[in-house]
Amino acid sequence: MKKEGRDLSVIVDGHDVTAFLRSPRISMIASRISAYPFVRRELLPLQRHVAEEGGVVAEGRDMGTVVFPAADVKFFLDASVEERARRRHHELIAKGFDVDYATVKKEIALRDAQDQQRNIAPLKPAQDAIIIHSTDKGVDEVVALMMDRVRSKMTSH
C-alpha cells in the first residue's frame, strides 16, 4: 500500500492495482468470496488488529455488524439501486471502464441479493447504526450529517 495525502493506493509487484480492485468484476468476486467461512475466519483478526489503536474509518457491508460491532459510531448508507447504479456508472466511466448503466444496475442488484441472502454476515444495518438514505443527497450533505452525528456522540461521552 502507498499513501499520498488522503489517497491510498494498493501496489502489487510494483503495479498500482487500486482501480482494478474497484472494478465491477472484482466487486462481484469479492461478494462471493466473502461468503466463505474460512476467508472470514482469516480476515477478521487482521481487520480488527488494524483498528486496535482506534481512529479507524472502515467501509464495507458488514463492518458494523460483524467486523467492528463495538465501534463508537456506525453508519449504514443506503440509496436506491438506480441512484447507486448512476453513481457507480459515473465513477467507472471516469476511471476509463467501458460499461453501460443497465449492466451496472443489474450487477448492483445481484450483489445486493447475494449479500442479503448469504448465511454468514448478511448485509443489514447494525441495530445501533445511524441509517442515512442518500438517494437525494450529495456527498457534502451526507458527510455533514455524519460529522454532526460523530460530534454529537463525542460530546455525549
Protein backbone atom coordinates (compact mmCIF):
# COMPACT_ATOMS: atom_id res chain seq x y z
CA MET A 1 0.00 0.00 0.00
CA LYS A 2 1.08 3.54 -0.66
CA LYS A 3 -0.41 6.64 0.92
CA GLU A 4 -0.18 10.05 -0.75
CA GLY A 5 -2.07 12.70 1.16
CA ARG A 6 -5.59 11.35 1.59
CA ASP A 7 -5.28 8.81 -1.23
CA LEU A 8 -4.41 5.20 -0.56
CA SER A 9 -3.12 3.05 -3.41
CA VAL A 10 -2.65 -0.69 -3.49
CA ILE A 11 0.62 -1.71 -5.13
CA VAL A 12 1.32 -5.31 -6.20
CA ASP A 13 4.69 -6.18 -7.74
CA GLY A 14 5.27 -2.51 -8.46
CA HIS A 15 1.92 -2.00 -10.21
CA ASP A 16 -0.92 0.19 -8.92
CA VAL A 17 -3.98 -2.08 -8.85
CA THR A 18 -6.28 0.31 -6.98
CA ALA A 19 -8.66 0.95 -9.91
CA PHE A 20 -8.75 -2.76 -10.77
CA LEU A 21 -9.84 -3.58 -7.21
CA ARG A 22 -12.87 -1.28 -7.63
CA SER A 23 -13.89 -2.82 -10.96
CA PRO A 24 -17.34 -4.45 -11.35
CA ARG A 25 -15.78 -7.89 -11.85
CA ILE A 26 -13.79 -7.72 -8.62
CA SER A 27 -16.80 -6.36 -6.74
CA MET A 28 -18.86 -9.42 -7.67
CA ILE A 29 -15.99 -11.80 -6.90
CA ALA A 30 -15.47 -10.16 -3.51
CA SER A 31 -19.13 -10.71 -2.71
CA ARG A 32 -18.86 -14.44 -3.46
CA ILE A 33 -15.53 -14.92 -1.69
CA SER A 34 -16.70 -13.12 1.44
CA ALA A 35 -19.35 -15.80 1.95
CA TYR A 36 -16.71 -18.49 2.60
CA PRO A 37 -16.29 -19.14 6.35
CA PHE A 38 -12.54 -19.80 6.11
CA VAL A 39 -11.96 -16.49 4.34
CA ARG A 40 -13.88 -14.61 7.00
CA ARG A 41 -12.12 -16.52 9.79
CA GLU A 42 -8.71 -15.43 8.42
CA LEU A 43 -9.62 -11.82 7.64
CA LEU A 44 -11.49 -10.90 10.81
CA PRO A 45 -8.47 -10.89 13.16
CA LEU A 46 -6.44 -8.91 10.61
CA GLN A 47 -9.18 -6.30 10.25
CA ARG A 48 -9.60 -5.95 13.99
CA HIS A 49 -5.83 -5.73 14.52
CA VAL A 50 -5.65 -2.75 12.17
CA ALA A 51 -8.23 -0.95 14.32
CA GLU A 52 -6.74 -1.73 17.75
CA GLU A 53 -5.28 1.77 18.15
CA GLY A 54 -8.63 3.39 17.27
CA GLY A 55 -9.23 6.26 14.90
CA VAL A 56 -10.23 3.94 12.06
CA VAL A 57 -12.88 4.67 9.49
CA ALA A 58 -13.89 1.44 7.77
CA GLU A 59 -16.22 0.90 4.86
CA GLY A 60 -17.85 -2.37 3.98
CA ARG A 61 -21.06 -4.30 4.04
CA ASP A 62 -20.55 -5.94 7.45
CA MET A 63 -18.25 -3.53 9.24
CA GLY A 64 -20.83 -2.51 11.85
CA THR A 65 -22.47 -5.89 12.35
CA VAL A 66 -19.51 -8.29 12.32
CA VAL A 67 -16.08 -6.74 11.99
CA PHE A 68 -16.43 -3.82 14.41
CA PRO A 69 -19.62 -4.43 16.40
CA ALA A 70 -18.34 -2.26 19.28
CA ALA A 71 -17.47 0.73 17.08
CA ASP A 72 -18.23 4.10 18.65
CA VAL A 73 -20.27 5.28 15.68
CA LYS A 74 -21.78 3.21 12.89
CA PHE A 75 -23.46 4.41 9.75
CA PHE A 76 -25.49 2.45 7.24
CA LEU A 77 -25.62 4.35 3.97
CA ASP A 78 -28.46 3.47 1.68
CA ALA A 79 -29.73 4.75 -1.65
CA SER A 80 -31.97 3.42 -4.37
CA VAL A 81 -30.49 0.88 -6.74
CA GLU A 82 -30.99 3.35 -9.57
CA GLU A 83 -29.05 6.09 -7.80
CA ARG A 84 -26.23 3.77 -6.72
CA ALA A 85 -26.01 2.49 -10.30
CA ARG A 86 -25.89 6.06 -11.63
CA ARG A 87 -23.08 6.95 -9.21
CA ARG A 88 -21.11 3.77 -9.87
CA HIS A 89 -21.54 4.08 -13.64
CA HIS A 90 -20.20 7.64 -13.48
CA GLU A 91 -17.25 6.52 -11.32
CA LEU A 92 -16.35 3.65 -13.65
CA ILE A 93 -16.60 5.77 -16.80
CA ALA A 94 -14.34 8.39 -15.16
CA LYS A 95 -11.79 5.64 -14.46
CA GLY A 96 -11.83 4.52 -18.08
CA PHE A 97 -14.02 1.41 -17.82
CA ASP A 98 -16.32 0.70 -20.76
CA VAL A 99 -19.61 -0.15 -19.01
CA ASP A 100 -23.24 0.70 -19.60
CA TYR A 101 -25.71 1.83 -16.96
CA ALA A 102 -28.05 -1.18 -17.33
CA THR A 103 -25.21 -3.62 -16.69
CA VAL A 104 -24.00 -1.69 -13.65
CA LYS A 105 -27.55 -1.56 -12.24
CA LYS A 106 -28.03 -5.31 -12.78
CA GLU A 107 -24.70 -6.10 -11.08
CA ILE A 108 -25.51 -3.90 -8.07
CA ALA A 109 -28.92 -5.55 -7.65
CA LEU A 110 -27.34 -9.01 -7.96
CA ARG A 111 -24.64 -8.21 -5.41
CA ASP A 112 -27.23 -6.80 -3.00
CA ALA A 113 -29.28 -10.00 -3.29
CA GLN A 114 -26.20 -12.21 -2.81
CA ASP A 115 -25.05 -10.26 0.22
CA GLN A 116 -28.51 -10.02 1.83
CA GLN A 117 -29.17 -13.75 1.43
CA ARG A 118 -25.82 -15.19 2.48
CA ASN A 119 -25.77 -17.20 5.69
CA ILE A 120 -22.63 -15.61 7.08
CA ALA A 121 -22.76 -11.88 7.88
CA PRO A 122 -25.69 -10.94 5.65
CA LEU A 123 -25.98 -7.35 4.50
CA LYS A 124 -28.07 -5.46 7.04
CA PRO A 125 -27.69 -2.41 9.24
CA ALA A 126 -26.36 -2.88 12.76
CA GLN A 127 -29.06 -2.37 15.38
CA ASP A 128 -27.32 0.77 16.62
CA ALA A 129 -26.35 2.11 13.20
CA ILE A 130 -27.39 5.54 12.06
CA ILE A 131 -29.16 4.97 8.77
CA ILE A 132 -28.69 7.62 6.13
CA HIS A 133 -30.80 7.46 2.98
CA SER A 134 -28.67 9.29 0.46
CA THR A 135 -30.63 8.90 -2.78
CA ASP A 136 -31.37 12.61 -2.94
CA LYS A 137 -28.28 13.86 -1.10
CA GLY A 138 -24.90 14.93 -2.34
CA VAL A 139 -21.59 13.84 -0.86
CA ASP A 140 -21.13 17.07 1.09
CA GLU A 141 -24.59 16.76 2.66
CA VAL A 142 -24.00 13.14 3.67
CA VAL A 143 -20.59 13.94 5.14
CA ALA A 144 -22.07 16.90 7.05
CA LEU A 145 -24.77 14.62 8.51
CA MET A 146 -22.17 12.07 9.51
CA MET A 147 -19.87 14.66 11.08
CA ASP A 148 -22.79 16.11 13.08
CA ARG A 149 -23.55 12.64 14.45
CA VAL A 150 -19.90 11.95 15.27
CA ARG A 151 -19.53 15.31 17.05
CA SER A 152 -22.76 14.67 18.95
CA LYS A 153 -21.53 11.23 20.01
CA MET A 154 -18.15 12.61 21.09
CA THR A 155 -19.66 15.37 23.21
CA SER A 156 -22.06 12.96 24.91
CA HIS A 157 -19.12 10.86 26.14
